[in-house]
C-alpha cells in the first residue's frame, strides 16, 4: 500500500503552510501598490562630481589568545582528555572504537594519546587560520563544535560501559 506524503500532513500544518505561502506575495503586492501611488517618495539626489566610494567598515578584531578563546581551548583540551581516558578504558575492557580515524590509532595507548593531542592541536590550528583570515565567529565555532562532539563521545562511552 502506497501512501502519499500529502495525506500524512496534519490539516492544521497544511493550513499554516498555505497561509505562510500566501502572505509573502500579498505583502509584496501591497508594497508595489504603495510605491505606485506615491511617486514623490522616489526622489533621486543629483550626483556630485566628486563622489567618494563608500568605505567598508572593518570587522572588529581581537587578539587570538583572548579570554574567550583561552576558555574554549581549555575546555576543548579537557573534553579531549576525558574522551581519551574513557575511550582507553572501554578499549581495555573489550570495547570497540566507533570513530574510523581514532580506530587507526587505538592499537596502543601512546597512539591513542597522539590522536587526541593532534585533534586538540588541529582545532587550535584551524581556529588560528580562521582568525588570520578574518573569520572571527567561525574561529570560535570550530572549538564549540569539537567540544560538542567530544562531550557526546564521552557521554556515549559512559552510557555504554
Protein backbone atom coordinates (compact mmCIF):
# COMPACT_ATOMS: atom_id res chain seq x y z
CA UNK A 1 0.00 0.00 0.00
CA UNK A 2 1.46 3.30 -1.06
CA UNK A 3 0.65 6.39 0.99
CA UNK A 4 1.01 9.91 -0.22
CA UNK A 5 3.20 12.33 1.76
CA UNK A 6 0.49 14.95 1.20
CA UNK A 7 -2.10 12.89 3.09
CA UNK A 8 0.24 12.45 6.06
CA UNK A 9 0.37 16.22 6.75
CA UNK A 10 -1.86 17.34 9.60
CA UNK A 11 -4.70 19.69 8.48
CA UNK A 12 -3.50 22.47 10.81
CA UNK A 13 0.04 22.23 9.46
CA UNK A 14 -1.27 22.32 5.89
CA UNK A 15 -3.36 25.40 6.67
CA UNK A 16 -0.31 27.10 8.21
CA UNK A 17 1.84 26.32 5.16
CA UNK A 18 -0.79 27.71 2.79
CA UNK A 19 -1.22 30.83 4.92
CA UNK A 20 2.54 31.49 5.07
CA UNK A 21 2.85 30.86 1.35
CA UNK A 22 0.16 33.43 0.55
CA UNK A 23 1.32 36.12 2.99
CA UNK A 24 4.61 36.90 1.27
CA UNK A 25 3.20 37.58 -2.23
CA UNK A 26 0.36 39.59 -0.70
CA UNK A 27 2.78 41.85 1.14
CA UNK A 28 4.88 42.27 -1.98
CA UNK A 29 1.84 43.39 -3.98
CA UNK A 30 0.90 45.89 -1.28
CA UNK A 31 4.38 47.45 -1.29
CA UNK A 32 4.34 47.78 -5.08
CA UNK A 33 0.89 49.40 -4.98
CA UNK A 34 2.02 51.91 -2.35
CA UNK A 35 5.08 52.79 -4.38
CA UNK A 36 2.94 53.39 -7.48
CA UNK A 37 0.54 55.64 -5.56
CA UNK A 38 3.31 57.82 -4.09
CA UNK A 39 5.74 58.78 -6.86
CA UNK A 40 7.12 61.75 -4.88
CA UNK A 41 8.64 59.27 -2.43
CA UNK A 42 11.05 58.22 -5.15
CA UNK A 43 13.18 61.34 -5.40
CA UNK A 44 16.68 61.00 -6.69
CA UNK A 45 19.52 63.15 -5.36
CA UNK A 46 21.77 64.66 -8.02
CA UNK A 47 25.20 63.05 -8.20
CA UNK A 48 28.08 65.21 -7.09
CA UNK A 49 31.10 65.49 -9.34
CA UNK A 50 33.45 64.32 -6.61
CA UNK A 51 31.79 61.27 -5.16
CA UNK A 52 33.84 59.15 -2.81
CA UNK A 53 33.46 55.39 -2.81
CA UNK A 54 31.71 54.06 0.26
CA UNK A 55 34.14 52.74 2.81
CA UNK A 56 33.54 49.27 4.15
CA UNK A 57 33.59 49.14 7.94
CA UNK A 58 36.34 46.91 9.29
CA UNK A 59 35.36 43.82 11.21
CA UNK A 60 36.04 44.01 14.89
CA UNK A 61 39.37 42.37 15.53
CA UNK A 62 40.66 40.80 18.70
CA UNK A 63 43.75 39.04 19.95
CA UNK A 64 43.82 35.35 19.18
CA UNK A 65 44.60 34.33 22.77
CA UNK A 66 41.86 36.46 24.31
CA UNK A 67 39.82 35.30 27.30
CA UNK A 68 37.05 33.63 25.29
CA UNK A 69 39.41 31.65 23.05
CA UNK A 70 41.53 30.61 26.04
CA UNK A 71 38.45 29.26 27.81
CA UNK A 72 37.29 27.47 24.66
CA UNK A 73 40.69 25.87 24.08
CA UNK A 74 41.00 24.81 27.73
CA UNK A 75 37.51 23.28 27.62
CA UNK A 76 38.39 21.61 24.34
CA UNK A 77 41.55 20.11 25.86
CA UNK A 78 39.63 18.94 28.95
CA UNK A 79 36.94 17.17 26.92
CA UNK A 80 39.57 15.68 24.64
CA UNK A 81 41.44 14.32 27.68
CA UNK A 82 38.19 12.92 29.10
CA UNK A 83 37.44 11.31 25.74
CA UNK A 84 40.93 9.77 25.74
CA UNK A 85 40.52 8.31 29.25
CA UNK A 86 37.04 6.90 28.66
CA UNK A 87 37.99 5.50 25.23
CA UNK A 88 41.12 3.85 26.62
CA UNK A 89 39.15 2.28 29.47
CA UNK A 90 36.48 0.98 27.10
CA UNK A 91 39.10 -0.49 24.75
CA UNK A 92 40.86 -2.21 27.68
CA UNK A 93 37.62 -3.84 28.78
CA UNK A 94 36.93 -5.27 25.31
CA UNK A 95 35.03 -2.36 23.78
CA UNK A 96 35.33 -1.20 20.20
CA UNK A 97 36.22 2.23 18.82
CA UNK A 98 33.47 3.57 16.55
CA UNK A 99 35.38 6.52 15.07
CA UNK A 100 37.25 5.22 11.99
CA UNK A 101 40.06 7.78 12.34
CA UNK A 102 40.61 7.07 16.01
CA UNK A 103 40.32 3.31 15.35
CA UNK A 104 43.54 3.54 13.34
CA UNK A 105 45.40 4.84 16.43
CA UNK A 106 43.62 2.71 19.04
CA UNK A 107 46.14 -0.15 18.99
CA UNK A 108 48.27 1.40 21.73
CA UNK A 109 47.90 3.97 24.48
CA UNK A 110 50.60 6.30 23.06
CA UNK A 111 48.91 6.15 19.65
CA UNK A 112 45.56 6.97 21.18
CA UNK A 113 47.10 9.85 23.17
CA UNK A 114 48.73 11.15 19.99
CA UNK A 115 45.34 11.07 18.24
CA UNK A 116 43.58 13.15 20.89
CA UNK A 117 46.51 15.57 21.27
CA UNK A 118 46.57 16.01 17.49
CA UNK A 119 42.83 16.64 17.48
CA UNK A 120 43.24 19.39 20.07
CA UNK A 121 46.18 20.94 18.23
CA UNK A 122 44.23 20.73 14.97
CA UNK A 123 41.33 22.67 16.47
CA UNK A 124 43.71 25.40 17.65
CA UNK A 125 45.38 25.46 14.21
CA UNK A 126 42.12 25.73 12.27
CA UNK A 127 40.91 28.43 14.67
CA UNK A 128 44.14 30.38 14.16
CA UNK A 129 43.79 30.12 10.37
CA UNK A 130 40.21 31.40 10.56
CA UNK A 131 41.34 34.20 12.89
CA UNK A 132 44.05 35.31 10.45
CA UNK A 133 41.61 35.29 7.52
CA UNK A 134 39.15 37.49 9.45
CA UNK A 135 36.51 34.85 10.23
CA UNK A 136 36.30 35.62 13.94
CA UNK A 137 32.94 33.99 14.58
CA UNK A 138 33.95 30.81 12.77
CA UNK A 139 37.19 30.56 14.73
CA UNK A 140 35.12 30.08 17.86
CA UNK A 141 32.56 27.82 16.22
CA UNK A 142 35.30 25.28 15.43
CA UNK A 143 36.12 24.94 19.13
CA UNK A 144 32.47 24.76 20.09
CA UNK A 145 31.75 22.01 17.56
CA UNK A 146 34.70 19.95 18.77
CA UNK A 147 33.67 20.44 22.41
CA UNK A 148 30.18 19.23 21.50
CA UNK A 149 31.43 16.17 19.64
CA UNK A 150 33.86 15.25 22.43
CA UNK A 151 31.13 15.70 25.05
CA UNK A 152 28.81 13.48 23.00
CA UNK A 153 31.55 10.83 22.67
CA UNK A 154 32.26 10.87 26.41
CA UNK A 155 28.54 10.63 27.21
CA UNK A 156 28.09 7.75 24.77
CA UNK A 157 31.11 5.89 26.11
CA UNK A 158 29.99 6.33 29.71
CA UNK A 159 26.46 5.17 28.87
CA UNK A 160 27.71 2.05 27.06
CA UNK A 161 30.25 0.71 29.55
